Amino acid sequence: MPQEPKDNAPAAAEKPGYTIVKQTKSRWWEVRDPDDELVCLTVYRKGAREVVRRLAA
């Protein structure tokens, strides 16, 4: 019986969601998408969390 070819592309579920990263020696917080591209900068972590919450909705 022939085997079906496997899909080597990563599934969307395997990628983490948006991430929040504190910039080194700065007061700014980065919001990054699953491809590690910068989405926005915020001064407060609470603001970064709100951005992620709105993007995930």
Protein backbone atom coordinates (compact mmCIF):
# COMPACT_ATOMS: atom_id res chain seq x y z
CA MET A 1 0.00 0.00 0.00
CA PRO A 2 1.61 3.36 -0.99
CA GLN A 3 2.18 5.89 1.74
CA GLU A 4 0.80 9.39 1.42
CA PRO A 5 3.44 12.12 1.15
CA LYS A 6 3.94 14.06 4.34
CA ASP A 7 3.57 17.82 4.40
CA ASN A 8 6.84 19.27 5.69
CA ALA A 9 5.42 22.80 6.04
CA PRO A 10 4.92 23.76 9.67
CA ALA A 11 1.32 23.95 10.81
CA ALA A 12 -0.09 27.26 11.98
CA ALA A 13 -0.72 25.78 15.42
CA GLU A 14 3.00 25.09 15.89
CA LYS A 15 3.93 28.78 15.68
CA PRO A 16 3.64 30.75 18.89
CA GLY A 17 1.34 33.74 18.92
CA TYR A 18 2.36 37.35 19.34
CA THR A 19 5.23 37.91 21.76
CA ILE A 20 6.12 40.83 23.99
CA VAL A 21 9.81 41.64 24.40
CA LYS A 22 11.47 44.32 26.54
CA GLN A 23 14.16 46.24 24.68
CA THR A 24 17.55 46.13 26.35
CA LYS A 25 18.42 49.23 28.36
CA SER A 26 15.25 50.97 27.24
CA ARG A 27 11.75 51.58 28.52
CA TRP A 28 10.14 50.34 25.30
CA TRP A 29 8.27 47.06 24.83
CA GLU A 30 8.10 45.36 21.42
CA VAL A 31 5.13 43.39 20.12
CA ARG A 32 6.29 40.81 17.56
CA ASP A 33 4.23 38.56 15.30
CA PRO A 34 4.76 34.79 14.90
CA ASP A 35 7.32 35.45 12.12
CA ASP A 36 9.32 37.64 14.56
CA GLU A 37 8.48 40.85 12.69
CA LEU A 38 7.97 44.01 14.72
CA VAL A 39 4.31 45.01 14.98
CA CYS A 40 4.57 47.98 17.34
CA LEU A 41 6.42 49.58 20.23
CA THR A 42 4.80 50.64 23.49
CA VAL A 43 6.10 52.42 26.55
CA TYR A 44 4.22 50.20 28.98
CA ARG A 45 3.88 46.42 29.11
CA LYS A 46 0.19 46.87 29.84
CA GLY A 47 -0.17 48.64 26.49
CA ALA A 48 1.68 45.85 24.71
CA ARG A 49 -0.66 43.29 26.30
CA GLU A 50 -3.66 45.29 25.08
CA VAL A 51 -2.28 45.33 21.52
CA VAL A 52 -1.81 41.54 21.61
CA ARG A 53 -5.32 41.09 23.03
CA ARG A 54 -6.86 43.16 20.23
CA LEU A 55 -4.85 41.44 17.50
CA ALA A 56 -5.79 37.99 18.78
CA ALA A 57 -9.52 38.80 18.84
